[in-house]
Amino acid sequence: MTLIPSTGQAAPPDRELYEVRSYLLGDKGDAKAIDAYLKDALIPALNRHGIKPVGVFTNSENDESGSERIVVVIPYSDAAQILATRTALAGDSQYLADAKSYLDREPKNAPYQRITSELLSAMDCMPNANVPEGTLANDDRVYELRLYESPNERLGELKVDMFNSGEVPIFLDSGIQPLFIGQCLIGPNTPSLTYLTVYPNEEARKKAWDAFRAHKDWAVLSKVEKYQGTVSHIDKYVLVAKPYSQM
């Protein structure tokens, strides 16, 4: 993972974009059908068209959000690749065949209540996603997906600046390993930023956040006047990876 300081300059051309797509299951959701579609149709097709790694997650038994979901993280090199990929999938005969049973479901038999998505731009502190070596081999690993809403655009930019100015090194020193961090460009909760972190197990997750809250550098950074009031609401999901996840 590369950490670079905030310079106030325009985003570099190699900064990634991320779609965070949530399949909200609701009372009648069919998680098995979504799993089959993602595992056998969508992810292989995305990989064929150069999109990888694709992460897929669902609620951990320790999640307290009350919102059952399947979360898909899709990285893109730039905005042009988003449209190009959509066009490619529409003409991909293998994908259309593999996805047929999913796409042909009747209107009243959708496998989810709704899909929500947000498009993120990677931030200066982490311009590219990073899956640490050995992550996928650990069956005990857990994740946290957090979305920080800000009261207005000015404060949202300041929360981004707070991450770029030192919050991520405190994460790492506390045992919180980010996989990606992005500012929301398009989504239902703007202005906001979203990040995904991974831990060896549930106990390590809890200890890492305890260490973060007690960290001497966080005590200083969190008291900086300009950063006060930059977060108005936090959505937190404790997740586990699907067996076919690439993150």
Protein backbone atom coordinates (compact mmCIF):
# COMPACT_ATOMS: atom_id res chain seq x y z
CA MET A 1 0.00 0.00 0.00
CA THR A 2 1.25 3.48 -0.89
CA LEU A 3 0.61 6.35 1.48
CA ILE A 4 1.18 9.83 0.09
CA PRO A 5 0.47 13.16 1.76
CA SER A 6 -2.24 15.50 0.63
CA THR A 7 -0.87 18.17 -1.73
CA GLY A 8 -4.02 20.07 -2.60
CA GLN A 9 -3.40 19.26 -6.27
CA ALA A 10 -5.79 17.62 -8.73
CA ALA A 11 -6.24 13.86 -8.44
CA PRO A 12 -3.49 11.86 -10.18
CA PRO A 13 -4.61 9.98 -13.29
CA ASP A 14 -3.95 6.56 -11.69
CA ARG A 15 -6.31 7.10 -8.77
CA GLU A 16 -8.88 4.29 -8.73
CA LEU A 17 -12.66 4.47 -8.60
CA TYR A 18 -14.83 2.02 -6.66
CA GLU A 19 -18.43 1.00 -6.96
CA VAL A 20 -19.74 -0.24 -3.63
CA ARG A 21 -22.90 -2.13 -4.55
CA SER A 22 -25.24 -3.48 -1.87
CA TYR A 23 -27.89 -6.06 -2.61
CA LEU A 24 -30.43 -5.40 0.15
CA LEU A 25 -32.10 -8.74 0.79
CA GLY A 26 -35.21 -7.68 2.70
CA ASP A 27 -37.71 -10.29 3.88
CA LYS A 28 -37.89 -12.24 0.61
CA GLY A 29 -34.29 -12.06 -0.58
CA ASP A 30 -32.70 -15.06 -2.27
CA ALA A 31 -29.05 -14.92 -1.23
CA LYS A 32 -28.27 -18.23 -2.94
CA ALA A 33 -29.45 -16.90 -6.29
CA ILE A 34 -27.37 -13.74 -5.89
CA ASP A 35 -24.35 -15.81 -4.87
CA ALA A 36 -24.70 -18.02 -7.94
CA TYR A 37 -24.98 -14.98 -10.21
CA LEU A 38 -21.98 -13.23 -8.70
CA LYS A 39 -19.78 -16.32 -8.47
CA ASP A 40 -20.58 -17.95 -11.81
CA ALA A 41 -21.52 -15.03 -14.06
CA LEU A 42 -20.69 -11.48 -13.01
CA ILE A 43 -17.27 -11.84 -11.38
CA PRO A 44 -15.82 -14.14 -14.08
CA ALA A 45 -17.08 -11.68 -16.70
CA LEU A 46 -15.63 -8.67 -14.89
CA ASN A 47 -12.31 -10.49 -14.59
CA ARG A 48 -12.32 -11.31 -18.31
CA HIS A 49 -12.71 -7.60 -19.02
CA GLY A 50 -9.84 -6.61 -16.74
CA ILE A 51 -11.76 -5.76 -13.55
CA LYS A 52 -10.11 -7.30 -10.48
CA PRO A 53 -10.00 -7.95 -7.61
CA VAL A 54 -13.75 -7.95 -6.91
CA GLY A 55 -14.77 -8.26 -3.26
CA VAL A 56 -18.01 -9.83 -2.06
CA PHE A 57 -19.14 -9.73 1.57
CA THR A 58 -22.12 -10.33 3.79
CA ASN A 59 -23.10 -9.59 7.38
CA SER A 60 -21.05 -11.18 10.13
CA GLU A 61 -22.83 -12.72 13.11
CA ASN A 62 -21.41 -9.75 15.03
CA ASP A 63 -22.94 -7.15 12.73
CA GLU A 64 -25.44 -4.89 14.49
CA SER A 65 -26.72 -2.92 11.50
CA GLY A 66 -29.99 -4.85 11.20
CA SER A 67 -29.68 -4.65 7.41
CA GLU A 68 -29.06 -7.99 5.73
CA ARG A 69 -27.08 -7.45 2.55
CA ILE A 70 -24.52 -8.71 0.10
CA VAL A 71 -21.87 -6.07 -0.59
CA VAL A 72 -19.86 -6.08 -3.82
CA VAL A 73 -16.78 -3.89 -4.29
CA ILE A 74 -15.81 -3.31 -7.93
CA PRO A 75 -12.61 -1.35 -8.70
CA TYR A 76 -12.14 0.67 -11.88
CA SER A 77 -9.04 2.34 -13.23
CA ASP A 78 -11.01 5.38 -14.44
CA ALA A 79 -14.50 6.58 -15.35
CA ALA A 80 -14.20 5.47 -18.97
CA GLN A 81 -13.74 1.87 -17.83
CA ILE A 82 -17.12 1.91 -16.09
CA LEU A 83 -19.04 2.57 -19.29
CA ALA A 84 -16.75 0.32 -21.33
CA THR A 85 -17.36 -2.56 -18.93
CA ARG A 86 -21.12 -2.12 -19.03
CA THR A 87 -21.02 -2.16 -22.84
CA ALA A 88 -18.75 -5.20 -22.83
CA LEU A 89 -21.05 -7.18 -20.52
CA ALA A 90 -24.05 -6.45 -22.75
CA GLY A 91 -22.19 -8.08 -25.64
CA ASP A 92 -20.53 -10.90 -23.69
CA SER A 93 -22.28 -14.10 -24.79
CA GLN A 94 -20.62 -16.16 -22.05
CA TYR A 95 -21.82 -13.76 -19.37
CA LEU A 96 -25.35 -13.66 -20.78
CA ALA A 97 -25.50 -17.45 -20.81
CA ASP A 98 -24.08 -17.80 -17.31
CA ALA A 99 -26.44 -15.13 -15.95
CA LYS A 100 -29.56 -16.31 -17.79
CA SER A 101 -31.41 -17.90 -14.87
CA TYR A 102 -30.76 -14.80 -12.74
CA LEU A 103 -31.68 -12.27 -15.41
CA ASP A 104 -34.79 -14.19 -16.50
CA ARG A 105 -36.47 -14.15 -13.09
CA GLU A 106 -40.05 -12.91 -13.16
CA PRO A 107 -40.79 -9.30 -12.12
CA LYS A 108 -42.36 -10.38 -8.82
CA ASN A 109 -39.52 -12.80 -8.05
CA ALA A 110 -36.54 -10.47 -7.67
CA PRO A 111 -33.83 -12.01 -5.45
CA TYR A 112 -33.37 -8.77 -3.51
CA GLN A 113 -35.43 -5.92 -2.18
CA ARG A 114 -33.28 -3.34 -3.94
CA ILE A 115 -29.74 -2.60 -5.07
CA THR A 116 -28.04 0.55 -3.83
CA SER A 117 -24.68 1.77 -5.14
CA GLU A 118 -22.21 4.53 -4.53
CA LEU A 119 -19.27 5.56 -6.71
CA LEU A 120 -16.11 6.51 -4.84
CA SER A 121 -12.87 8.16 -5.82
CA ALA A 122 -9.77 6.86 -4.07
CA MET A 123 -8.13 9.45 -1.84
CA ASP A 124 -4.57 10.78 -1.61
CA CYS A 125 -3.86 8.64 1.43
CA MET A 126 -4.61 5.44 -0.51
CA PRO A 127 -4.87 5.91 -4.29
CA ASN A 128 -5.13 2.18 -4.99
CA ALA A 129 -6.86 -0.71 -3.27
CA ASN A 130 -4.61 -3.12 -1.39
CA VAL A 131 -5.31 -6.71 -0.34
CA PRO A 132 -2.40 -7.72 1.92
CA GLU A 133 -0.65 -10.96 1.08
CA GLY A 134 -2.16 -13.92 2.91
CA THR A 135 -5.53 -12.23 3.52
CA LEU A 136 -7.58 -14.70 1.47
CA ALA A 137 -5.94 -17.69 3.15
CA ASN A 138 -7.28 -16.69 6.59
CA ASP A 139 -10.76 -18.14 7.05
CA ASP A 140 -11.17 -16.28 10.37
CA ARG A 141 -10.77 -12.79 8.90
CA VAL A 142 -13.48 -10.17 9.37
CA TYR A 143 -14.09 -6.80 7.75
CA GLU A 144 -15.65 -3.48 8.58
CA LEU A 145 -17.31 -1.27 6.02
CA ARG A 146 -17.81 2.25 7.33
CA LEU A 147 -19.55 5.22 5.72
CA TYR A 148 -19.00 8.64 7.28
CA GLU A 149 -21.58 11.27 6.37
CA SER A 150 -20.73 14.95 6.74
CA PRO A 151 -23.20 17.80 7.37
CA ASN A 152 -22.19 19.73 4.24
CA GLU A 153 -19.66 19.77 1.40
CA ARG A 154 -17.12 21.97 3.19
CA LEU A 155 -17.02 19.68 6.21
CA GLY A 156 -16.95 16.64 3.95
CA GLU A 157 -13.79 17.95 2.30
CA LEU A 158 -12.28 18.55 5.72
CA LYS A 159 -12.97 14.95 6.77
CA VAL A 160 -11.19 13.80 3.62
CA ASP A 161 -8.31 16.12 4.55
CA MET A 162 -8.24 14.59 8.02
CA PHE A 163 -7.68 11.14 6.52
CA ASN A 164 -5.07 12.46 4.11
CA SER A 165 -3.28 14.35 6.88
CA GLY A 166 -2.61 11.50 9.27
CA GLU A 167 -5.58 9.29 10.15
CA VAL A 168 -4.45 6.33 8.03
CA PRO A 169 -1.01 5.92 9.69
CA ILE A 170 -2.83 5.80 13.04
CA PHE A 171 -5.07 3.07 11.60
CA LEU A 172 -2.05 1.01 10.58
CA ASP A 173 -0.27 1.52 13.88
CA SER A 174 -3.41 0.33 15.70
CA GLY A 175 -3.89 -2.83 13.62
CA ILE A 176 -6.60 -1.45 11.33
CA GLN A 177 -5.74 -2.45 7.75
CA PRO A 178 -7.59 -0.53 5.02
CA LEU A 179 -8.33 -2.26 1.72
CA PHE A 180 -9.63 0.92 0.12
CA ILE A 181 -10.68 4.44 1.14
CA GLY A 182 -12.82 6.60 -1.12
CA GLN A 183 -14.70 9.87 -1.21
CA CYS A 184 -18.24 9.53 -2.53
CA LEU A 185 -18.78 11.06 -5.97
CA ILE A 186 -22.28 9.70 -6.54
CA GLY A 187 -24.51 8.04 -3.96
CA PRO A 188 -27.48 8.42 -1.63
CA ASN A 189 -25.47 9.67 1.37
CA THR A 190 -23.32 12.49 0.04
CA PRO A 191 -21.26 14.25 1.18
CA SER A 192 -19.49 11.20 2.60
CA LEU A 193 -16.52 8.89 2.46
CA THR A 194 -16.43 5.10 2.72
CA TYR A 195 -13.67 2.66 3.61
CA LEU A 196 -13.23 -1.08 4.07
CA THR A 197 -10.83 -2.57 6.63
CA VAL A 198 -9.79 -6.14 7.41
CA TYR A 199 -8.71 -7.91 10.62
CA PRO A 200 -7.34 -11.40 11.37
CA ASN A 201 -10.41 -12.22 13.48
CA GLU A 202 -13.20 -10.65 15.52
CA GLU A 203 -11.09 -10.26 18.66
CA ALA A 204 -8.40 -8.47 16.66
CA ARG A 205 -11.03 -6.11 15.23
CA LYS A 206 -12.20 -5.05 18.67
CA LYS A 207 -8.64 -4.66 20.00
CA ALA A 208 -7.62 -2.60 16.98
CA TRP A 209 -10.39 -0.07 17.50
CA ASP A 210 -9.61 0.12 21.22
CA ALA A 211 -5.99 0.82 20.30
CA PHE A 212 -7.03 3.48 17.79
CA ARG A 213 -9.21 5.34 20.28
CA ALA A 214 -6.36 5.30 22.82
CA HIS A 215 -3.61 6.24 20.34
CA LYS A 216 -1.69 9.37 21.31
CA ASP A 217 -1.64 10.67 17.73
CA TRP A 218 -5.42 10.29 17.44
CA ALA A 219 -5.80 12.26 20.67
CA VAL A 220 -3.98 15.13 18.95
CA LEU A 221 -5.57 14.85 15.47
CA SER A 222 -9.10 14.51 16.81
CA LYS A 223 -8.74 17.78 18.73
CA VAL A 224 -7.70 19.88 15.71
CA GLU A 225 -10.24 22.69 15.57
CA LYS A 226 -10.95 22.64 11.84
CA TYR A 227 -11.89 18.94 11.98
CA GLN A 228 -14.59 19.37 14.62
CA GLY A 229 -18.08 18.40 13.47
CA THR A 230 -16.95 16.83 10.20
CA VAL A 231 -18.94 13.61 10.76
CA SER A 232 -22.69 13.75 11.32
CA HIS A 233 -23.55 10.04 10.97
CA ILE A 234 -21.73 6.71 10.69
CA ASP A 235 -23.02 3.54 9.04
CA LYS A 236 -21.01 0.51 10.15
CA TYR A 237 -21.24 -3.05 8.85
CA VAL A 238 -19.21 -5.93 10.27
CA LEU A 239 -18.76 -8.33 7.38
CA VAL A 240 -17.33 -11.66 6.35
CA ALA A 241 -16.12 -12.51 2.87
CA LYS A 242 -17.99 -14.84 0.57
CA PRO A 243 -15.92 -17.95 -0.34
CA TYR A 244 -15.46 -16.61 -3.89
CA SER A 245 -14.48 -13.07 -2.86
CA GLN A 246 -11.23 -11.78 -4.29
CA MET A 247 -10.67 -9.33 -1.42
